[in-house]
Amino acid sequence: MDNKILLKINGMSCNGCAMNVQRALKSVAGVNSAEVDLASKTAIVFFDGPAPTIKALTDAVKKAGYEALPAA
C-alpha cells in the first residue's frame, strides 16, 4: 500500500496548471504518483519506501511556477 503526503497548492488557475504541478511532483525521486485537484487546490503524493522530503516536493512545485505547502 502506498503512503501519501497531502500538499496545499497555490497559484493554479486551470487544468493545465494542475497538470504542470502533477508532472513536477512525479519528477521527484521516490514519488510513485501524484493526484492534483484544481478545485480544492490540493495534491496527494503517493510513495513506497522512504518518503520524499517536503522540501524536495515544494521545490519541484516552485520550479514549475507554483507554491506548495504541507496541508494540515
C-alpha atoms as a PDB file:
ATOM      1  CA  MET A   1       0.000   0.000   0.000  1.00  0.00           C
ATOM      2  CA  ASP A   2       1.285   3.436  -0.893  1.00  0.00           C
ATOM      3  CA  ASN A   3       1.978   6.059   1.711  1.00  0.00           C
ATOM      4  CA  LYS A   4       0.870   9.586   0.953  1.00  0.00           C
ATOM      5  CA  ILE A   5       1.626  13.238   1.608  1.00  0.00           C
ATOM      6  CA  LEU A   6      -1.029  15.953   1.255  1.00  0.00           C
ATOM      7  CA  LEU A   7       0.012  19.365  -0.026  1.00  0.00           C
ATOM      8  CA  LYS A   8      -1.838  22.658  -0.471  1.00  0.00           C
ATOM      9  CA  ILE A   9      -1.043  24.222  -3.865  1.00  0.00           C
ATOM     10  CA  ASN A  10      -1.281  27.953  -4.552  1.00  0.00           C
ATOM     11  CA  GLY A  11      -1.203  29.677  -7.931  1.00  0.00           C
ATOM     12  CA  MET A  12      -3.182  27.194 -10.063  1.00  0.00           C
ATOM     13  CA  SER A  13      -5.908  28.676 -12.244  1.00  0.00           C
ATOM     14  CA  CYS A  14      -6.620  25.981 -14.858  1.00  0.00           C
ATOM     15  CA  ASN A  15      -6.328  22.285 -15.653  1.00  0.00           C
ATOM     16  CA  GLY A  16      -3.044  22.960 -17.423  1.00  0.00           C
ATOM     17  CA  CYS A  17      -1.661  24.337 -14.158  1.00  0.00           C
ATOM     18  CA  ALA A  18      -2.786  21.213 -12.328  1.00  0.00           C
ATOM     19  CA  MET A  19      -1.061  19.029 -14.937  1.00  0.00           C
ATOM     20  CA  ASN A  20       2.160  21.064 -14.582  1.00  0.00           C
ATOM     21  CA  VAL A  21       2.096  20.578 -10.810  1.00  0.00           C
ATOM     22  CA  GLN A  22       1.383  16.872 -11.218  1.00  0.00           C
ATOM     23  CA  ARG A  23       4.336  16.466 -13.607  1.00  0.00           C
ATOM     24  CA  ALA A  24       6.614  18.380 -11.231  1.00  0.00           C
ATOM     25  CA  LEU A  25       5.640  16.201  -8.270  1.00  0.00           C
ATOM     26  CA  LYS A  26       6.056  12.978 -10.240  1.00  0.00           C
ATOM     27  CA  SER A  27       9.604  14.051 -11.168  1.00  0.00           C
ATOM     28  CA  VAL A  28      10.714  13.881  -7.509  1.00  0.00           C
ATOM     29  CA  ALA A  29      12.679  10.739  -6.610  1.00  0.00           C
ATOM     30  CA  GLY A  30      10.577   8.229  -4.698  1.00  0.00           C
ATOM     31  CA  VAL A  31       7.197   9.520  -5.904  1.00  0.00           C
ATOM     32  CA  ASN A  32       5.030   6.775  -7.440  1.00  0.00           C
ATOM     33  CA  SER A  33       2.182   9.046  -8.493  1.00  0.00           C
ATOM     34  CA  ALA A  34       0.509  12.349  -7.732  1.00  0.00           C
ATOM     35  CA  GLU A  35      -3.104  13.489  -7.901  1.00  0.00           C
ATOM     36  CA  VAL A  36      -3.746  17.214  -8.182  1.00  0.00           C
ATOM     37  CA  ASP A  37      -7.206  18.670  -7.596  1.00  0.00           C
ATOM     38  CA  LEU A  38      -7.691  22.125  -9.086  1.00  0.00           C
ATOM     39  CA  ALA A  39     -10.984  22.766  -7.245  1.00  0.00           C
ATOM     40  CA  SER A  40      -9.592  22.091  -3.759  1.00  0.00           C
ATOM     41  CA  LYS A  41      -6.082  23.354  -4.648  1.00  0.00           C
ATOM     42  CA  THR A  42      -4.534  20.212  -3.167  1.00  0.00           C
ATOM     43  CA  ALA A  43      -2.171  17.480  -4.248  1.00  0.00           C
ATOM     44  CA  ILE A  44      -1.780  13.977  -2.889  1.00  0.00           C
ATOM     45  CA  VAL A  45       1.649  12.458  -3.448  1.00  0.00           C
ATOM     46  CA  PHE A  46       1.910   8.659  -3.238  1.00  0.00           C
ATOM     47  CA  PHE A  47       5.169   6.843  -2.495  1.00  0.00           C
ATOM     48  CA  ASP A  48       6.589   3.498  -1.389  1.00  0.00           C
ATOM     49  CA  GLY A  49       9.605   3.179   0.855  1.00  0.00           C
ATOM     50  CA  PRO A  50      11.336   6.281   2.180  1.00  0.00           C
ATOM     51  CA  ALA A  51       9.200   9.393   1.904  1.00  0.00           C
ATOM     52  CA  PRO A  52      10.356  12.158  -0.410  1.00  0.00           C
ATOM     53  CA  THR A  53      11.175  15.227   1.651  1.00  0.00           C
ATOM     54  CA  ILE A  54       8.658  18.039   1.845  1.00  0.00           C
ATOM     55  CA  LYS A  55      11.448  20.347   0.661  1.00  0.00           C
ATOM     56  CA  ALA A  56      12.028  18.259  -2.468  1.00  0.00           C
ATOM     57  CA  LEU A  57       8.310  18.319  -3.245  1.00  0.00           C
ATOM     58  CA  THR A  58       7.830  22.036  -2.574  1.00  0.00           C
ATOM     59  CA  ASP A  59      10.999  22.907  -4.515  1.00  0.00           C
ATOM     60  CA  ALA A  60       9.773  20.928  -7.552  1.00  0.00           C
ATOM     61  CA  VAL A  61       6.424  22.742  -7.454  1.00  0.00           C
ATOM     62  CA  LYS A  62       8.162  26.111  -7.020  1.00  0.00           C
ATOM     63  CA  LYS A  63      10.398  25.391 -10.028  1.00  0.00           C
ATOM     64  CA  ALA A  64       7.201  24.782 -12.047  1.00  0.00           C
ATOM     65  CA  GLY A  65       5.934  28.246 -11.020  1.00  0.00           C
ATOM     66  CA  TYR A  66       3.567  27.456  -8.141  1.00  0.00           C
ATOM     67  CA  GLU A  67       3.665  27.298  -4.353  1.00  0.00           C
ATOM     68  CA  ALA A  68       3.215  24.138  -2.304  1.00  0.00           C
ATOM     69  CA  LEU A  69       2.733  23.960   1.460  1.00  0.00           C
ATOM     70  CA  PRO A  70       2.212  20.970   3.758  1.00  0.00           C
ATOM     71  CA  ALA A  71      -1.515  20.564   4.363  1.00  0.00           C
ATOM     72  CA  ALA A  72      -2.700  20.394   7.957  1.00  0.00           C
END
